[in-house]
């Protein structure tokens, strides 16, 4: 059991560290238009996941979903949401808004709690209500002080929150899910790439083309590591690792990309971190109580 836990922790560390460091890749290719980066990310992720599913003989999940129209519709919705999330993140990196992106992924667990209350009729305990209120206050402070809505933060948080909600409706493995999401978007991606340059980049690879093809690895590698970690760790433990990615992104934004951490943003982060500490503390206490029982 200890070996399984250690292996799970290692792959969780790899996955969330990779996600946290991913702005380095998108900054590397930020001379390319965000829509073109997104199209390449969709296309090459589809190619890579297709190969993984084919050579691992794990295509039964695809056939299962194809037999249920409602599940296909849910996968279409999740495809649109994850594409919106990816595009917003790519834009955030290119426009030096990695701090706002980091804030969005910090807020995401709180958004999931909120969506569970609204759509799944989950009852919130007092700690969760206080955590949601603290996050709302933090975002409100930024809106009032800066005079505009931090839309990058909110789009990232809510698009991923709704994405998780839809994926609950289709209980499938991460590879099959990503295959459907990218398969549905790949025709549009191909049409866009052909429209942009007549498909020249696909027909005769360039240095930029090679860089953009790596988007498939950037997307798929952490997903594989996360899937391995999920098999060896309970979800409550895995949840603690998810805060690693936005923390690394926050450090990159301030120490590498030179983004300014103003007092308004610091105040907003403090409220969000306080809300997350309440959720983490509650989960930790629940785990201890279960062990004692």
Protein backbone atom coordinates (compact mmCIF):
# COMPACT_ATOMS: atom_id res chain seq x y z
CA UNK A 1 0.00 0.00 0.00
CA UNK A 2 2.86 2.39 0.81
CA UNK A 3 4.49 1.62 -2.56
CA UNK A 4 1.18 2.35 -4.33
CA UNK A 5 0.76 5.59 -2.42
CA UNK A 6 4.33 6.67 -3.18
CA UNK A 7 3.88 5.87 -6.86
CA UNK A 8 0.59 7.77 -6.93
CA UNK A 9 2.15 10.76 -5.20
CA UNK A 10 5.05 10.78 -7.68
CA UNK A 11 2.77 10.80 -10.73
CA UNK A 12 0.45 13.38 -9.13
CA UNK A 13 3.49 15.58 -8.51
CA UNK A 14 4.57 15.13 -12.14
CA UNK A 15 1.10 15.88 -13.54
CA UNK A 16 0.34 19.01 -11.53
CA UNK A 17 3.90 20.34 -11.82
CA UNK A 18 3.67 19.91 -15.60
CA UNK A 19 0.35 21.76 -15.67
CA UNK A 20 1.85 24.51 -13.54
CA UNK A 21 4.88 24.85 -15.83
CA UNK A 22 2.81 24.73 -19.05
CA UNK A 23 2.81 28.57 -19.39
CA UNK A 24 6.50 28.23 -20.32
CA UNK A 25 5.53 26.27 -23.44
CA UNK A 26 2.73 28.65 -24.44
CA UNK A 27 5.01 31.65 -23.86
CA UNK A 28 7.52 29.91 -26.17
CA UNK A 29 4.98 29.88 -29.01
CA UNK A 30 3.12 33.10 -28.17
CA UNK A 31 4.24 34.72 -31.44
CA UNK A 32 1.60 32.49 -33.05
CA UNK A 33 -2.06 33.58 -32.91
CA UNK A 34 -4.01 31.95 -30.03
CA UNK A 35 -6.59 30.37 -32.38
CA UNK A 36 -3.80 28.74 -34.40
CA UNK A 37 -2.17 27.38 -31.23
CA UNK A 38 -5.54 26.03 -30.11
CA UNK A 39 -6.14 24.36 -33.49
CA UNK A 40 -2.75 22.65 -33.32
CA UNK A 41 -3.33 21.63 -29.71
CA UNK A 42 -6.63 19.99 -30.63
CA UNK A 43 -5.25 18.28 -33.75
CA UNK A 44 -2.05 16.85 -32.26
CA UNK A 45 -3.76 15.83 -29.02
CA UNK A 46 -6.28 13.89 -31.10
CA UNK A 47 -3.49 12.17 -33.06
CA UNK A 48 -1.56 11.23 -29.92
CA UNK A 49 -4.57 10.00 -27.92
CA UNK A 50 -5.82 8.01 -30.93
CA UNK A 51 -2.46 6.25 -31.13
CA UNK A 52 -2.47 5.53 -27.39
CA UNK A 53 -5.97 4.06 -27.51
CA UNK A 54 -5.24 2.03 -30.64
CA UNK A 55 -2.00 0.45 -29.43
CA UNK A 56 -3.34 -0.21 -25.92
CA UNK A 57 -6.49 -1.87 -27.34
CA UNK A 58 -8.69 0.36 -25.14
CA UNK A 59 -11.27 1.40 -27.72
CA UNK A 60 -14.24 -0.25 -26.01
CA UNK A 61 -15.08 3.01 -24.21
CA UNK A 62 -15.53 4.74 -27.57
CA UNK A 63 -18.01 2.12 -28.74
CA UNK A 64 -19.93 2.37 -25.46
CA UNK A 65 -20.43 6.13 -25.76
CA UNK A 66 -21.37 5.87 -29.45
CA UNK A 67 -24.31 3.67 -28.44
CA UNK A 68 -25.81 6.43 -26.25
CA UNK A 69 -26.85 9.69 -28.00
CA UNK A 70 -27.19 11.57 -24.70
CA UNK A 71 -23.60 10.75 -23.82
CA UNK A 72 -22.45 11.94 -27.25
CA UNK A 73 -24.28 15.23 -26.64
CA UNK A 74 -22.62 15.57 -23.22
CA UNK A 75 -19.21 14.94 -24.81
CA UNK A 76 -19.94 17.65 -27.41
CA UNK A 77 -20.66 20.07 -24.57
CA UNK A 78 -17.47 19.10 -22.74
CA UNK A 79 -15.52 19.51 -26.02
CA UNK A 80 -16.76 23.09 -26.39
CA UNK A 81 -16.00 23.89 -22.75
CA UNK A 82 -12.48 22.49 -22.77
CA UNK A 83 -11.75 24.31 -26.05
CA UNK A 84 -12.93 27.59 -24.47
CA UNK A 85 -10.76 26.85 -21.42
CA UNK A 86 -7.68 26.10 -23.53
CA UNK A 87 -8.16 29.18 -25.71
CA UNK A 88 -8.59 31.47 -22.70
CA UNK A 89 -5.45 30.06 -21.07
CA UNK A 90 -3.42 30.48 -24.29
CA UNK A 91 -4.67 34.07 -24.57
CA UNK A 92 -3.84 34.73 -20.89
CA UNK A 93 -0.24 33.61 -21.37
CA UNK A 94 0.23 35.61 -24.58
CA UNK A 95 -1.23 38.76 -22.99
CA UNK A 96 0.76 38.49 -19.70
CA UNK A 97 -2.26 37.54 -17.63
CA UNK A 98 -0.84 34.39 -16.03
CA UNK A 99 -1.68 35.79 -12.57
CA UNK A 100 -5.34 35.97 -13.55
CA UNK A 101 -5.13 32.44 -14.97
CA UNK A 102 -3.60 31.20 -11.72
CA UNK A 103 -6.40 32.84 -9.78
CA UNK A 104 -8.96 31.06 -11.98
CA UNK A 105 -7.54 27.64 -11.18
CA UNK A 106 -7.40 28.46 -7.48
CA UNK A 107 -11.11 29.36 -7.62
CA UNK A 108 -12.06 26.25 -9.61
CA UNK A 109 -12.62 23.93 -6.57
CA UNK A 110 -14.93 26.56 -5.09
CA UNK A 111 -16.80 26.86 -8.40
CA UNK A 112 -17.25 23.07 -8.39
CA UNK A 113 -18.79 23.29 -4.92
CA UNK A 114 -21.11 26.07 -6.13
CA UNK A 115 -22.17 24.15 -9.25
CA UNK A 116 -22.79 21.03 -7.19
CA UNK A 117 -25.16 23.05 -5.02
CA UNK A 118 -27.01 24.54 -8.01
CA UNK A 119 -27.24 21.60 -10.41
CA UNK A 120 -26.77 18.49 -8.27
CA UNK A 121 -28.74 19.82 -5.28
CA UNK A 122 -25.82 19.11 -2.96
CA UNK A 123 -26.26 20.58 0.50
CA UNK A 124 -23.45 22.83 1.66
CA UNK A 125 -22.17 22.83 5.22
CA UNK A 126 -21.36 26.10 6.96
CA UNK A 127 -17.64 25.89 6.11
CA UNK A 128 -18.37 25.60 2.39
CA UNK A 129 -20.76 28.55 2.51
CA UNK A 130 -18.15 30.69 4.24
CA UNK A 131 -15.51 29.61 1.70
CA UNK A 132 -17.75 30.62 -1.22
CA UNK A 133 -18.47 33.96 0.44
CA UNK A 134 -14.74 34.64 0.96
CA UNK A 135 -13.97 33.88 -2.70
CA UNK A 136 -16.83 36.13 -3.84
CA UNK A 137 -15.53 38.96 -1.63
CA UNK A 138 -12.03 38.53 -3.07
CA UNK A 139 -13.25 38.79 -6.67
CA UNK A 140 -15.54 41.72 -5.75
CA UNK A 141 -12.61 43.65 -4.29
CA UNK A 142 -10.77 43.32 -7.60
CA UNK A 143 -13.84 44.42 -9.57
CA UNK A 144 -14.39 47.48 -7.38
CA UNK A 145 -10.71 48.52 -7.15
CA UNK A 146 -9.81 47.95 -10.81
CA UNK A 147 -13.17 48.82 -12.35
CA UNK A 148 -13.54 45.74 -14.52
CA UNK A 149 -14.47 42.09 -14.20
CA UNK A 150 -11.48 39.67 -14.17
CA UNK A 151 -13.03 37.72 -17.05
CA UNK A 152 -9.96 35.52 -17.65
CA UNK A 153 -10.18 34.28 -14.07
CA UNK A 154 -13.92 33.66 -14.24
CA UNK A 155 -13.94 32.03 -17.69
CA UNK A 156 -11.18 29.60 -16.68
CA UNK A 157 -12.85 28.75 -13.38
CA UNK A 158 -16.39 28.32 -14.69
CA UNK A 159 -15.52 26.64 -18.00
CA UNK A 160 -13.53 23.98 -16.13
CA UNK A 161 -16.21 23.76 -13.45
CA UNK A 162 -18.96 23.09 -16.00
CA UNK A 163 -16.58 20.74 -17.83
CA UNK A 164 -16.22 18.66 -14.68
CA UNK A 165 -19.98 18.72 -14.19
CA UNK A 166 -20.62 17.38 -17.71
CA UNK A 167 -17.94 14.71 -17.34
CA UNK A 168 -19.87 13.37 -14.34
CA UNK A 169 -22.69 12.56 -16.77
CA UNK A 170 -20.34 10.42 -18.88
CA UNK A 171 -18.36 8.14 -16.53
CA UNK A 172 -15.46 7.25 -18.82
CA UNK A 173 -11.69 7.09 -18.52
CA UNK A 174 -9.64 10.26 -19.19
CA UNK A 175 -8.20 8.95 -22.50
CA UNK A 176 -11.57 8.11 -24.03
CA UNK A 177 -12.98 11.42 -22.82
CA UNK A 178 -10.11 13.41 -24.34
CA UNK A 179 -10.40 11.39 -27.57
CA UNK A 180 -14.06 12.36 -27.98
CA UNK A 181 -13.43 15.99 -27.06
CA UNK A 182 -10.58 16.39 -29.55
CA UNK A 183 -12.25 14.22 -32.24
CA UNK A 184 -15.28 16.50 -32.27
CA UNK A 185 -13.12 19.62 -32.56
CA UNK A 186 -10.50 18.24 -34.99
CA UNK A 187 -12.52 18.86 -38.23
CA UNK A 188 -12.94 22.52 -37.23
CA UNK A 189 -9.24 22.72 -36.34
CA UNK A 190 -8.22 21.29 -39.71
CA UNK A 191 -10.53 23.65 -41.61
CA UNK A 192 -9.10 26.60 -39.69
CA UNK A 193 -5.47 25.58 -40.32
CA UNK A 194 -6.16 25.10 -44.05
CA UNK A 195 -7.94 28.47 -44.17
CA UNK A 196 -5.06 30.26 -42.39
CA UNK A 197 -2.21 29.18 -44.68
CA UNK A 198 -3.69 26.74 -47.13
CA UNK A 199 -2.43 23.85 -45.02
CA UNK A 200 1.19 24.68 -45.89
CA UNK A 201 2.33 24.15 -42.30
CA UNK A 202 0.82 20.65 -42.28
CA UNK A 203 2.11 19.74 -45.74
CA UNK A 204 5.69 20.98 -45.21
CA UNK A 205 6.72 21.09 -41.55
CA UNK A 206 8.62 24.14 -40.27
CA UNK A 207 10.30 24.95 -36.96
CA UNK A 208 7.11 26.63 -35.76
CA UNK A 209 5.10 23.64 -36.96
CA UNK A 210 7.31 21.31 -34.91
CA UNK A 211 6.91 23.53 -31.86
CA UNK A 212 3.12 23.56 -32.25
CA UNK A 213 3.02 19.77 -32.72
CA UNK A 214 4.47 19.47 -29.21
CA UNK A 215 1.15 20.83 -27.92
CA UNK A 216 -0.15 17.27 -28.18
CA UNK A 217 2.51 16.06 -25.75
CA UNK A 218 2.01 19.08 -23.48
CA UNK A 219 -1.69 18.21 -23.27
CA UNK A 220 -1.59 14.42 -23.14
CA UNK A 221 1.43 13.62 -20.94
CA UNK A 222 0.03 15.12 -17.70
CA UNK A 223 -3.32 13.46 -18.37
CA UNK A 224 -1.63 10.04 -18.46
CA UNK A 225 0.28 10.80 -15.26
CA UNK A 226 -2.89 12.03 -13.58
CA UNK A 227 -4.74 8.83 -14.57
CA UNK A 228 -1.95 6.72 -13.04
CA UNK A 229 -2.00 8.82 -9.86
CA UNK A 230 -5.79 8.50 -9.60
CA UNK A 231 -5.46 4.70 -9.59
CA UNK A 232 -3.08 4.74 -6.63
CA UNK A 233 -4.38 7.63 -4.51
CA UNK A 234 -7.78 8.42 -2.99
CA UNK A 235 -9.46 11.47 -4.53
CA UNK A 236 -9.26 13.35 -1.23
CA UNK A 237 -5.45 13.03 -1.28
CA UNK A 238 -5.26 13.82 -4.99
CA UNK A 239 -7.22 16.99 -4.31
CA UNK A 240 -4.37 18.40 -2.23
CA UNK A 241 -2.04 18.22 -5.24
CA UNK A 242 -4.32 20.31 -7.47
CA UNK A 243 -3.20 23.53 -5.78
CA UNK A 244 0.37 22.88 -6.92
CA UNK A 245 -0.35 23.89 -10.54
CA UNK A 246 -1.74 27.40 -9.89
CA UNK A 247 0.98 27.99 -7.27
CA UNK A 248 3.72 27.22 -9.81
CA UNK A 249 1.92 29.42 -12.38
CA UNK A 250 1.76 32.23 -9.81
CA UNK A 251 5.51 31.97 -9.19
CA UNK A 252 6.22 31.90 -12.93
CA UNK A 253 4.06 34.98 -13.49
CA UNK A 254 5.84 37.06 -10.86
CA UNK A 255 9.43 35.70 -10.93
CA UNK A 256 9.88 34.77 -14.62
CA UNK A 257 7.35 36.72 -16.70
CA UNK A 258 7.60 39.91 -14.64
CA UNK A 259 3.89 40.39 -14.01
CA UNK A 260 3.12 42.87 -11.24
CA UNK A 261 1.47 41.53 -8.09
CA UNK A 262 -0.48 44.65 -7.05
CA UNK A 263 -2.06 45.10 -3.64
CA UNK A 264 -5.48 44.50 -5.20
CA UNK A 265 -4.42 41.12 -6.55
CA UNK A 266 -2.66 40.23 -3.30
CA UNK A 267 -5.85 41.02 -1.37
CA UNK A 268 -7.91 38.92 -3.78
CA UNK A 269 -5.48 36.00 -3.47
CA UNK A 270 -5.59 36.23 0.34
CA UNK A 271 -9.38 35.87 0.36
CA UNK A 272 -9.22 32.96 -2.11
CA UNK A 273 -6.45 31.21 -0.17
CA UNK A 274 -8.43 31.63 3.05
CA UNK A 275 -11.44 30.02 1.36
CA UNK A 276 -9.31 27.12 0.11
CA UNK A 277 -7.74 26.62 3.55
CA UNK A 278 -11.24 26.20 4.98
CA UNK A 279 -12.07 23.53 2.37
CA UNK A 280 -8.75 21.73 2.79
CA UNK A 281 -9.06 21.85 6.59
CA UNK A 282 -12.58 20.42 6.45
CA UNK A 283 -11.47 17.59 4.15
CA UNK A 284 -8.53 16.81 6.42
CA UNK A 285 -10.74 16.65 9.50
CA UNK A 286 -13.22 14.39 7.71
CA UNK A 287 -10.42 12.02 6.74
CA UNK A 288 -9.17 11.85 10.33
CA UNK A 289 -12.66 11.16 11.61
CA UNK A 290 -13.14 8.35 9.09
CA UNK A 291 -9.82 6.79 10.10
CA UNK A 292 -10.72 7.02 13.79
CA UNK A 293 -14.09 5.40 13.12
